[in-house]
Amino acid sequence: MRKRSDWASGFIFLLPLLFTLAVAFLYAFVRTVYFSFTDYNLFRITHFVGFDNYVQLFSDPRFMLALTHSLVFAAIVTASQTFFALLLAVVLNQKIRGLTFFRATYYVPCIASSVAITTVFVWLMNRRGTINWLLTAIGRNFPFVALGLAVVIAVQAIQVYWDRRHGLPARALDPVHLGIGLLAATVVTVMLAQFGVVRPYSMAEVAIPWFTTRQAFLGIPLPLLSIMMLNIWTTAPTMMILFLAGLQDVPRELYEVADLDGATPWQKLRYITVPAIRPVMFLVITLGLIGTLQMFDQAAITSGIAPLESVITLAYYVYWSLFGARTLPRVGMASAAALVLAVLTLVVVLLQRRVGFSERGWYS
């Protein structure tokens, strides 16, 4: 009787979750499958049309464009956010002053509203926005930047060579030497600028239409490329938190032994850190693929500014088929597109597990 009572109590506590799953997921999925084989448009009685919606779907150029955009978006953003998240996690896992402040600062974009972040980002990437202003400033002052960088590299190389020649263990990026190099670069650049030896470029103001264009860079539309940069910036901190949690479990003794053997930072990252956090790496890549394939909000927000052909993705194509096509809602087509997106997400994740980075490492 006590076991039955415990089972009944647990079932009662699970009822709200089970009801939500049954209505919001199971029922919705069954209805979507049913509508994908009909010509339903919210106003007339449905008629069974078989696979006509799927045939029309793959003959629709806009759907094929959305499919291409989603795959490219998922590949580039997932790889980039995983790389930057791991890099940030490794840096913030060190014992440095102000560590808590930096962790909180990097995580701010994740807790802010996606709509607010996207709106601000669109304003920054306006034709006369901050991004173009910075590109103009960098272009005009490139001679000073190049000169300063050359002086830093030269001074750093001279100091490291001098120390190693005298038997001192100098690192290539020794902080003290780097500070001296920056000071020397500042003095040299200011002096040459005062005497007119180095002058800024006279160039036109940069006015890249990041969102209001159909232009492409390396085959990727500029509006979609802008959304990629925004998505990487806002999602990498979340993945960073996951990597930080994984790095906390890596035994410090492994790094101490590697230091005694003279391992470089790259060797420690490749042979200790990455193998030790394989399960976390698999989780990050999987979550990244699912999230990027289903990216909708940023495409929807920027669609009023950017051309539809430049930002449309599979998730946004489903919404557009229902509410944005300036015709009767094509529920059948939207349902078919939603199922294609679901199957594609499942296939990509399974392929990543089979031939990509799994929790056990790389498959051959």
Protein backbone atom coordinates (compact mmCIF):
# COMPACT_ATOMS: atom_id res chain seq x y z
CA MET A 1 0.00 0.00 0.00
CA ARG A 2 2.85 2.39 0.78
CA LYS A 3 4.49 1.75 -2.59
CA ARG A 4 1.19 2.40 -4.35
CA SER A 5 0.75 5.61 -2.36
CA ASP A 6 4.25 6.79 -3.33
CA TRP A 7 3.59 5.93 -6.97
CA ALA A 8 0.27 7.81 -6.92
CA SER A 9 1.87 10.86 -5.28
CA GLY A 10 4.63 10.94 -7.88
CA PHE A 11 2.10 10.58 -10.69
CA ILE A 12 0.03 13.48 -9.33
CA PHE A 13 3.08 15.72 -9.24
CA LEU A 14 3.88 14.72 -12.84
CA LEU A 15 0.36 15.40 -14.12
CA PRO A 16 0.93 19.10 -15.03
CA LEU A 17 4.03 18.18 -17.03
CA LEU A 18 2.36 15.22 -18.71
CA PHE A 19 -0.67 17.35 -19.60
CA THR A 20 1.58 20.04 -21.11
CA LEU A 21 3.51 17.45 -23.11
CA ALA A 22 0.32 15.82 -24.33
CA VAL A 23 -1.34 19.07 -25.46
CA ALA A 24 1.54 21.29 -26.51
CA PHE A 25 3.75 18.63 -28.08
CA LEU A 26 2.03 15.32 -28.83
CA TYR A 27 -1.32 16.75 -29.97
CA ALA A 28 0.38 19.56 -31.90
CA PHE A 29 2.72 17.10 -33.61
CA VAL A 30 -0.12 14.80 -34.66
CA ARG A 31 -2.12 17.75 -36.03
CA THR A 32 0.94 19.00 -37.92
CA VAL A 33 1.45 15.61 -39.53
CA TYR A 34 -2.24 15.51 -40.49
CA PHE A 35 -2.28 19.04 -41.95
CA SER A 36 0.86 18.36 -43.99
CA PHE A 37 -1.21 15.99 -46.16
CA THR A 38 -4.11 18.42 -46.64
CA ASP A 39 -4.83 21.75 -48.35
CA TYR A 40 -6.12 23.40 -45.16
CA ASN A 41 -5.96 27.22 -45.09
CA LEU A 42 -7.91 28.04 -41.88
CA PHE A 43 -11.10 28.90 -43.81
CA ARG A 44 -12.23 25.88 -45.80
CA ILE A 45 -12.81 22.21 -45.16
CA THR A 46 -9.66 20.21 -45.52
CA HIS A 47 -9.09 17.87 -48.43
CA PHE A 48 -6.52 15.10 -48.45
CA VAL A 49 -3.87 15.86 -51.09
CA GLY A 50 -1.27 13.19 -50.31
CA PHE A 51 2.32 14.26 -50.85
CA ASP A 52 1.44 17.29 -53.00
CA ASN A 53 2.56 19.72 -50.29
CA TYR A 54 5.99 18.07 -50.09
CA VAL A 55 6.34 18.05 -53.89
CA GLN A 56 5.43 21.75 -54.07
CA LEU A 57 7.73 22.46 -51.15
CA PHE A 58 10.87 21.13 -52.85
CA SER A 59 9.90 22.84 -56.11
CA ASP A 60 9.57 26.20 -54.37
CA PRO A 61 12.77 28.26 -54.93
CA ARG A 62 12.15 30.20 -51.73
CA PHE A 63 12.03 26.99 -49.67
CA MET A 64 15.28 25.74 -51.22
CA LEU A 65 16.87 29.11 -50.43
CA ALA A 66 15.65 28.85 -46.83
CA LEU A 67 17.04 25.31 -46.60
CA THR A 68 20.45 26.47 -47.90
CA HIS A 69 20.50 29.43 -45.51
CA SER A 70 19.65 27.21 -42.53
CA LEU A 71 22.39 24.68 -43.29
CA VAL A 72 25.03 27.37 -43.88
CA PHE A 73 23.91 29.25 -40.78
CA ALA A 74 24.04 26.11 -38.62
CA ALA A 75 27.49 25.07 -39.84
CA ILE A 76 29.20 28.47 -39.46
CA VAL A 77 27.52 29.64 -36.25
CA THR A 78 27.86 26.30 -34.42
CA ALA A 79 31.55 26.00 -35.27
CA SER A 80 32.27 29.64 -34.40
CA GLN A 81 30.34 29.76 -31.14
CA THR A 82 31.91 26.47 -29.99
CA PHE A 83 35.41 27.76 -30.71
CA PHE A 84 34.91 31.15 -29.04
CA ALA A 85 33.06 29.61 -26.08
CA LEU A 86 35.90 27.17 -25.44
CA LEU A 87 38.48 29.96 -25.79
CA LEU A 88 36.60 32.19 -23.33
CA ALA A 89 36.13 29.32 -20.89
CA VAL A 90 39.84 28.46 -20.92
CA VAL A 91 40.77 32.10 -20.31
CA LEU A 92 38.18 32.64 -17.57
CA ASN A 93 39.16 29.38 -15.88
CA GLN A 94 42.50 30.90 -14.93
CA LYS A 95 43.22 32.57 -11.59
CA ILE A 96 43.12 36.22 -12.65
CA ARG A 97 42.06 39.36 -10.83
CA GLY A 98 38.44 40.38 -11.40
CA LEU A 99 37.45 36.92 -12.66
CA THR A 100 33.86 37.14 -11.38
CA PHE A 101 33.35 40.50 -13.06
CA PHE A 102 34.57 39.23 -16.42
CA ARG A 103 32.40 36.10 -16.21
CA ALA A 104 29.32 38.20 -15.47
CA THR A 105 30.16 40.70 -18.23
CA TYR A 106 30.50 38.02 -20.89
CA TYR A 107 27.22 36.44 -19.82
CA VAL A 108 25.12 39.64 -20.02
CA PRO A 109 24.09 39.18 -23.72
CA CYS A 110 22.49 35.82 -22.83
CA ILE A 111 20.12 37.20 -20.21
CA ALA A 112 19.09 40.29 -22.18
CA SER A 113 15.99 40.29 -24.38
CA SER A 114 16.65 38.87 -27.85
CA VAL A 115 14.38 41.50 -29.39
CA ALA A 116 16.16 44.35 -27.60
CA ILE A 117 19.61 43.00 -28.48
CA THR A 118 18.66 42.56 -32.14
CA THR A 119 17.15 46.06 -32.33
CA VAL A 120 20.29 47.64 -30.89
CA PHE A 121 22.44 45.54 -33.22
CA VAL A 122 20.45 46.71 -36.25
CA TRP A 123 20.98 50.30 -35.14
CA LEU A 124 24.73 49.72 -34.70
CA MET A 125 24.98 48.22 -38.19
CA ASN A 126 23.05 50.99 -39.88
CA ARG A 127 24.59 52.55 -42.99
CA ARG A 128 25.64 55.49 -40.79
CA GLY A 129 25.95 53.39 -37.64
CA THR A 130 28.74 52.69 -35.18
CA ILE A 131 30.16 49.65 -37.02
CA ASN A 132 30.73 51.57 -40.25
CA TRP A 133 32.16 54.49 -38.25
CA LEU A 134 34.66 52.15 -36.58
CA LEU A 135 35.63 50.62 -39.93
CA THR A 136 36.18 54.12 -41.32
CA ALA A 137 38.33 55.10 -38.32
CA ILE A 138 40.41 51.91 -38.59
CA GLY A 139 40.89 52.34 -42.32
CA ARG A 140 41.98 55.96 -42.05
CA ASN A 141 44.36 55.24 -39.16
CA PHE A 142 45.66 51.94 -40.54
CA PRO A 143 49.23 53.32 -41.08
CA PHE A 144 49.48 54.11 -37.35
CA VAL A 145 48.08 50.72 -36.40
CA ALA A 146 50.43 48.87 -38.74
CA LEU A 147 53.44 50.86 -37.54
CA GLY A 148 52.61 50.26 -33.88
CA LEU A 149 52.11 46.54 -34.45
CA ALA A 150 55.42 46.27 -36.32
CA VAL A 151 57.28 48.06 -33.50
CA VAL A 152 55.68 45.80 -30.85
CA ILE A 153 56.67 42.65 -32.75
CA ALA A 154 60.21 43.90 -33.36
CA VAL A 155 60.81 44.99 -29.74
CA GLN A 156 59.28 41.76 -28.42
CA ALA A 157 61.44 39.61 -30.69
CA ILE A 158 64.61 41.49 -29.71
CA GLN A 159 63.92 41.14 -25.98
CA VAL A 160 63.08 37.44 -26.19
CA TYR A 161 66.17 36.76 -28.31
CA TRP A 162 68.38 38.67 -25.88
CA ASP A 163 67.05 36.81 -22.83
CA ARG A 164 67.28 33.37 -24.43
CA ARG A 165 70.79 34.07 -25.64
CA HIS A 166 71.80 34.76 -22.04
CA GLY A 167 70.10 31.60 -20.78
CA LEU A 168 66.96 33.18 -19.39
CA PRO A 169 63.59 31.34 -19.85
CA ALA A 170 61.75 34.06 -21.78
CA ARG A 171 58.34 33.31 -23.26
CA ALA A 172 57.33 34.57 -26.69
CA LEU A 173 54.49 36.62 -25.16
CA ASP A 174 56.07 37.59 -21.88
CA PRO A 175 53.82 40.25 -20.26
CA VAL A 176 56.73 42.45 -19.15
CA HIS A 177 58.32 42.44 -22.58
CA LEU A 178 54.92 43.06 -24.15
CA GLY A 179 54.38 46.11 -21.95
CA ILE A 180 57.77 47.51 -22.95
CA GLY A 181 56.94 46.86 -26.61
CA LEU A 182 53.61 48.69 -26.34
CA LEU A 183 55.29 51.65 -24.67
CA ALA A 184 57.97 51.76 -27.37
CA ALA A 185 55.33 51.49 -30.12
CA THR A 186 53.38 54.39 -28.64
CA VAL A 187 56.45 56.63 -28.44
CA VAL A 188 57.65 55.78 -31.96
CA THR A 189 54.22 56.21 -33.53
CA VAL A 190 53.58 59.57 -31.83
CA MET A 191 57.03 60.90 -32.83
CA LEU A 192 56.72 59.84 -36.47
CA ALA A 193 53.23 61.28 -36.63
CA GLN A 194 54.43 64.61 -35.23
CA PHE A 195 57.15 64.85 -37.89
CA GLY A 196 54.73 63.91 -40.63
CA VAL A 197 56.51 60.69 -41.55
CA VAL A 198 53.31 58.68 -41.07
CA ARG A 199 49.97 60.18 -42.08
CA PRO A 200 46.41 58.88 -42.03
CA TYR A 201 44.79 57.65 -45.21
CA SER A 202 42.39 59.91 -47.04
CA MET A 203 39.53 57.54 -47.72
CA ALA A 204 35.79 57.82 -48.19
CA GLU A 205 33.47 57.04 -45.34
CA VAL A 206 32.54 53.36 -45.10
CA ALA A 207 28.81 52.93 -45.74
CA ILE A 208 28.17 49.19 -45.94
CA PRO A 209 24.42 48.44 -46.13
CA TRP A 210 24.53 45.51 -43.72
CA PHE A 211 20.78 44.83 -43.72
CA THR A 212 19.22 46.77 -46.59
CA THR A 213 20.89 44.89 -49.41
CA ARG A 214 20.93 41.69 -51.44
CA GLN A 215 24.71 41.79 -51.78
CA ALA A 216 26.64 38.72 -50.64
CA PHE A 217 30.08 38.06 -49.19
CA LEU A 218 31.53 34.65 -50.11
CA GLY A 219 28.07 33.60 -51.24
CA ILE A 220 26.41 34.57 -47.93
CA PRO A 221 23.97 37.53 -48.03
CA LEU A 222 25.19 40.43 -45.90
CA PRO A 223 21.98 40.54 -43.80
CA LEU A 224 22.33 36.83 -42.99
CA LEU A 225 26.03 37.32 -42.25
CA SER A 226 25.12 40.12 -39.84
CA ILE A 227 22.65 37.84 -38.06
CA MET A 228 25.39 35.20 -37.83
CA MET A 229 27.70 37.63 -36.04
CA LEU A 230 24.91 38.65 -33.68
CA ASN A 231 23.99 35.02 -32.95
CA ILE A 232 27.60 34.05 -32.23
CA TRP A 233 27.98 36.99 -29.84
CA THR A 234 24.78 36.23 -27.92
CA THR A 235 25.07 32.43 -27.71
CA ALA A 236 28.80 31.89 -27.11
CA PRO A 237 28.57 33.00 -23.43
CA THR A 238 25.92 30.32 -22.73
CA MET A 239 28.18 27.66 -24.18
CA MET A 240 31.05 29.21 -22.22
CA ILE A 241 29.22 28.46 -18.96
CA LEU A 242 28.88 24.80 -19.96
CA PHE A 243 32.58 24.61 -20.83
CA LEU A 244 33.50 26.29 -17.53
CA ALA A 245 31.53 23.65 -15.65
CA GLY A 246 33.38 20.93 -17.55
CA LEU A 247 36.78 22.52 -16.97
CA GLN A 248 36.20 22.55 -13.22
CA ASP A 249 36.28 18.73 -13.25
CA VAL A 250 39.59 18.41 -15.10
CA PRO A 251 42.26 17.34 -12.55
CA ARG A 252 44.85 20.08 -12.01
CA GLU A 253 47.51 17.39 -11.59
CA LEU A 254 47.39 16.70 -15.34
CA TYR A 255 48.38 20.29 -16.12
CA GLU A 256 51.10 20.23 -13.47
CA VAL A 257 52.64 17.11 -14.98
CA ALA A 258 52.37 18.66 -18.45
CA ASP A 259 54.18 21.78 -17.21
CA LEU A 260 56.98 19.61 -15.83
CA ASP A 261 57.27 17.91 -19.24
CA GLY A 262 57.50 21.30 -20.96
CA ALA A 263 54.14 21.16 -22.75
CA THR A 264 53.00 24.27 -24.57
CA PRO A 265 49.55 25.83 -23.97
CA TRP A 266 48.38 24.45 -27.33
CA GLN A 267 49.55 20.92 -26.41
CA LYS A 268 47.77 21.10 -23.04
CA LEU A 269 44.60 22.26 -24.75
CA ARG A 270 44.75 19.53 -27.40
CA TYR A 271 45.87 16.54 -25.34
CA ILE A 272 44.37 17.32 -21.90
CA THR A 273 41.55 19.85 -22.01
CA VAL A 274 39.64 18.75 -25.12
CA PRO A 275 39.73 14.98 -24.38
CA ALA A 276 38.66 15.62 -20.78
CA ILE A 277 35.58 17.64 -21.75
CA ARG A 278 34.35 15.47 -24.64
CA PRO A 279 30.86 14.98 -23.13
CA VAL A 280 30.50 18.75 -22.68
CA MET A 281 31.79 19.35 -26.21
CA PHE A 282 29.19 16.94 -27.58
CA LEU A 283 26.45 18.70 -25.61
CA VAL A 284 27.54 22.16 -26.80
CA ILE A 285 27.71 21.13 -30.46
CA THR A 286 24.35 19.35 -30.27
CA LEU A 287 22.61 22.30 -28.61
CA GLY A 288 24.25 24.63 -31.10
CA LEU A 289 23.03 22.64 -34.10
CA ILE A 290 19.47 22.43 -32.76
CA GLY A 291 19.34 26.13 -31.91
CA THR A 292 20.82 27.37 -35.18
CA LEU A 293 18.69 25.15 -37.40
CA GLN A 294 15.60 26.52 -35.66
CA MET A 295 16.70 30.17 -35.63
CA PHE A 296 13.62 32.37 -36.08
CA ASP A 297 13.42 35.50 -33.90
CA GLN A 298 16.35 37.41 -35.35
CA ALA A 299 15.28 36.65 -38.92
CA ALA A 300 11.74 37.77 -38.11
CA ILE A 301 12.88 41.03 -36.51
CA THR A 302 15.18 41.98 -39.38
CA SER A 303 12.80 40.85 -42.15
CA GLY A 304 11.10 44.24 -42.12
CA ILE A 305 14.42 45.87 -42.97
CA ALA A 306 16.29 43.28 -45.00
CA PRO A 307 15.02 41.64 -48.20
CA LEU A 308 13.22 38.39 -47.49
CA GLU A 309 15.53 36.40 -49.78
CA SER A 310 18.53 37.53 -47.71
CA VAL A 311 17.37 36.40 -44.26
CA ILE A 312 14.80 33.63 -44.77
CA THR A 313 15.48 30.39 -42.92
CA LEU A 314 13.42 27.21 -42.55
CA ALA A 315 11.84 28.31 -39.27
CA TYR A 316 10.95 31.70 -40.72
CA TYR A 317 9.65 30.04 -43.91
CA VAL A 318 7.08 28.18 -41.78
CA TYR A 319 5.88 31.47 -40.28
CA TRP A 320 5.95 33.24 -43.66
CA SER A 321 3.86 30.49 -45.28
CA LEU A 322 1.18 31.05 -42.66
CA PHE A 323 1.14 34.82 -42.17
CA GLY A 324 3.49 36.57 -44.57
CA ALA A 325 2.80 35.28 -48.07
CA ARG A 326 0.01 37.86 -48.76
CA THR A 327 -2.34 35.00 -49.65
CA LEU A 328 -4.54 32.68 -47.67
CA PRO A 329 -2.59 30.92 -44.92
CA ARG A 330 -0.98 27.82 -46.40
CA VAL A 331 -1.29 25.59 -43.36
CA GLY A 332 -0.52 22.44 -45.33
CA MET A 333 2.69 23.86 -46.80
CA ALA A 334 3.75 25.30 -43.43
CA SER A 335 3.11 21.97 -41.69
CA ALA A 336 5.14 20.12 -44.32
CA ALA A 337 7.99 22.62 -43.95
CA ALA A 338 7.87 22.24 -40.15
CA LEU A 339 8.15 18.46 -40.43
CA VAL A 340 11.05 18.79 -42.88
CA LEU A 341 12.79 21.07 -40.37
CA ALA A 342 12.19 18.56 -37.56
CA VAL A 343 13.52 15.64 -39.61
CA LEU A 344 16.50 17.70 -40.77
CA THR A 345 17.37 18.63 -37.18
CA LEU A 346 17.17 14.99 -36.10
CA VAL A 347 19.30 13.80 -39.04
CA VAL A 348 21.97 16.48 -38.52
CA VAL A 349 22.26 15.69 -34.80
CA LEU A 350 22.50 11.94 -35.47
CA LEU A 351 25.13 12.51 -38.16
CA GLN A 352 27.08 14.70 -35.76
CA ARG A 353 26.96 11.91 -33.20
CA ARG A 354 27.93 9.26 -35.74
CA VAL A 355 30.71 10.94 -37.73
CA GLY A 356 31.41 14.07 -35.71
CA PHE A 357 32.44 14.91 -32.17
CA SER A 358 30.58 12.56 -29.85
CA GLU A 359 30.89 12.13 -26.11
CA ARG A 360 33.58 9.54 -26.83
CA GLY A 361 35.55 11.69 -29.27
CA TRP A 362 35.89 11.71 -33.05
CA TYR A 363 34.53 8.80 -35.01
CA SER A 364 36.51 7.53 -37.95
